Amino acid sequence: SIKYMNMNIKKMWSRHMVFKWTQRKTLISFLFNSNKKFSKIVQGTDFFL
C-alpha cells in the first residue's frame, strides 16, 4: 500500500542522509589533517551538494 511505500522511502532517505553526513564528516576531517590549503578551498565551496 501507499502507506508502506512512504515508510520505506522515509527509511531509505534517512539512511542516505546519515551516510552522506558521515561521509562528509570523514572527508572534511581527512582534508583538514592532510592538506590545510585544500580544506580552505573546500570550506569556501559548496562541494557536497
N, C-alpha and C. Protein backbone atom coordinates (compact mmCIF):
# COMPACT_ATOMS: atom_id res chain seq x y z
N SER A 1 0.83 -1.21 0.00
CA SER A 1 0.00 0.00 0.00
C SER A 1 0.87 1.26 0.00
N ILE A 2 0.22 2.38 -0.19
CA ILE A 2 0.95 3.65 -0.28
C ILE A 2 1.63 3.98 1.04
N LYS A 3 0.92 3.70 2.15
CA LYS A 3 1.49 3.99 3.46
C LYS A 3 2.81 3.25 3.64
N TYR A 4 2.82 2.00 3.25
CA TYR A 4 4.01 1.17 3.40
C TYR A 4 5.15 1.72 2.53
N MET A 5 4.83 2.12 1.33
CA MET A 5 5.84 2.69 0.44
C MET A 5 6.44 3.95 1.03
N ASN A 6 5.60 4.80 1.59
CA ASN A 6 6.08 6.04 2.19
C ASN A 6 7.03 5.75 3.35
N MET A 7 6.69 4.76 4.16
CA MET A 7 7.57 4.39 5.27
C MET A 7 8.92 3.94 4.74
N ASN A 8 8.89 3.12 3.70
CA ASN A 8 10.13 2.62 3.11
C ASN A 8 10.99 3.75 2.56
N ILE A 9 10.34 4.68 1.88
CA ILE A 9 11.07 5.82 1.29
C ILE A 9 11.70 6.65 2.39
N LYS A 10 10.95 6.89 3.46
CA LYS A 10 11.50 7.68 4.57
C LYS A 10 12.70 6.98 5.18
N LYS A 11 12.59 5.66 5.34
CA LYS A 11 13.69 4.89 5.93
C LYS A 11 14.93 4.99 5.05
N MET A 12 14.74 4.79 3.75
CA MET A 12 15.86 4.85 2.82
C MET A 12 16.47 6.25 2.81
N TRP A 13 15.62 7.26 2.85
CA TRP A 13 16.08 8.64 2.80
C TRP A 13 16.92 8.98 4.03
N SER A 14 16.43 8.59 5.22
CA SER A 14 17.18 8.92 6.42
C SER A 14 18.51 8.18 6.44
N ARG A 15 18.51 6.94 5.96
CA ARG A 15 19.76 6.19 5.88
C ARG A 15 20.73 6.89 4.94
N HIS A 16 20.20 7.36 3.82
CA HIS A 16 21.01 8.07 2.84
C HIS A 16 21.60 9.35 3.44
N MET A 17 20.79 10.09 4.21
CA MET A 17 21.28 11.32 4.80
C MET A 17 22.35 11.04 5.84
N VAL A 18 22.14 10.00 6.64
CA VAL A 18 23.15 9.64 7.64
C VAL A 18 24.45 9.28 6.94
N PHE A 19 24.34 8.52 5.86
CA PHE A 19 25.53 8.13 5.11
C PHE A 19 26.25 9.35 4.56
N LYS A 20 25.49 10.26 3.96
CA LYS A 20 26.10 11.48 3.41
C LYS A 20 26.79 12.27 4.50
N TRP A 21 26.13 12.37 5.66
CA TRP A 21 26.67 13.17 6.75
C TRP A 21 27.97 12.56 7.27
N THR A 22 28.01 11.23 7.46
CA THR A 22 29.23 10.61 7.95
C THR A 22 30.33 10.74 6.91
N GLN A 23 29.96 10.58 5.65
CA GLN A 23 30.94 10.71 4.57
C GLN A 23 31.55 12.11 4.58
N ARG A 24 30.69 13.11 4.72
CA ARG A 24 31.15 14.50 4.72
C ARG A 24 32.07 14.75 5.90
N LYS A 25 31.66 14.28 7.09
CA LYS A 25 32.45 14.46 8.29
C LYS A 25 33.83 13.83 8.12
N THR A 26 33.86 12.61 7.62
CA THR A 26 35.12 11.89 7.42
C THR A 26 36.00 12.63 6.42
N LEU A 27 35.39 13.03 5.32
CA LEU A 27 36.14 13.69 4.25
C LEU A 27 36.73 15.00 4.74
N ILE A 28 35.94 15.79 5.46
CA ILE A 28 36.41 17.09 5.93
C ILE A 28 37.55 16.92 6.93
N SER A 29 37.40 15.98 7.87
CA SER A 29 38.47 15.79 8.85
C SER A 29 39.73 15.26 8.16
N PHE A 30 39.54 14.41 7.15
CA PHE A 30 40.68 13.90 6.40
C PHE A 30 41.40 15.05 5.69
N LEU A 31 40.62 15.93 5.07
CA LEU A 31 41.23 17.06 4.36
C LEU A 31 41.93 17.99 5.34
N PHE A 32 41.31 18.23 6.48
CA PHE A 32 41.93 19.09 7.48
C PHE A 32 43.27 18.53 7.92
N ASN A 33 43.32 17.21 8.13
CA ASN A 33 44.54 16.61 8.63
C ASN A 33 45.61 16.54 7.55
N SER A 34 45.20 16.37 6.29
CA SER A 34 46.20 16.11 5.26
C SER A 34 46.64 17.39 4.55
N ASN A 35 45.71 18.32 4.33
CA ASN A 35 46.07 19.45 3.48
C ASN A 35 45.24 20.68 3.85
N LYS A 36 45.84 21.57 4.63
CA LYS A 36 45.12 22.73 5.14
C LYS A 36 44.66 23.67 4.02
N LYS A 37 45.49 23.85 3.03
CA LYS A 37 45.16 24.77 1.95
C LYS A 37 43.93 24.30 1.20
N PHE A 38 43.92 23.01 0.86
CA PHE A 38 42.81 22.46 0.10
C PHE A 38 41.52 22.49 0.92
N SER A 39 41.62 22.23 2.22
CA SER A 39 40.42 22.23 3.05
C SER A 39 39.81 23.63 3.11
N LYS A 40 40.65 24.66 3.02
CA LYS A 40 40.12 26.02 2.99
C LYS A 40 39.30 26.24 1.72
N ILE A 41 39.79 25.72 0.60
CA ILE A 41 39.06 25.82 -0.66
C ILE A 41 37.71 25.10 -0.54
N VAL A 42 37.75 23.91 0.05
CA VAL A 42 36.53 23.11 0.20
C VAL A 42 35.53 23.84 1.09
N GLN A 43 36.04 24.47 2.16
CA GLN A 43 35.17 25.21 3.07
C GLN A 43 34.43 26.33 2.33
N GLY A 44 35.13 26.99 1.40
CA GLY A 44 34.55 28.11 0.70
C GLY A 44 33.64 27.72 -0.44
N THR A 45 33.61 26.46 -0.77
CA THR A 45 32.80 25.98 -1.88
C THR A 45 31.72 25.06 -1.36
N ASP A 46 30.56 25.09 -1.97
CA ASP A 46 29.57 24.10 -1.57
C ASP A 46 29.82 22.85 -2.39
N PHE A 47 30.71 22.05 -1.87
CA PHE A 47 31.37 20.97 -2.56
C PHE A 47 30.51 19.71 -2.54
N PHE A 48 29.55 19.64 -1.62
CA PHE A 48 28.89 18.36 -1.32
C PHE A 48 27.43 18.34 -1.72
N LEU A 49 27.01 19.22 -2.61
CA LEU A 49 25.58 19.25 -2.95
C LEU A 49 25.23 18.17 -3.95
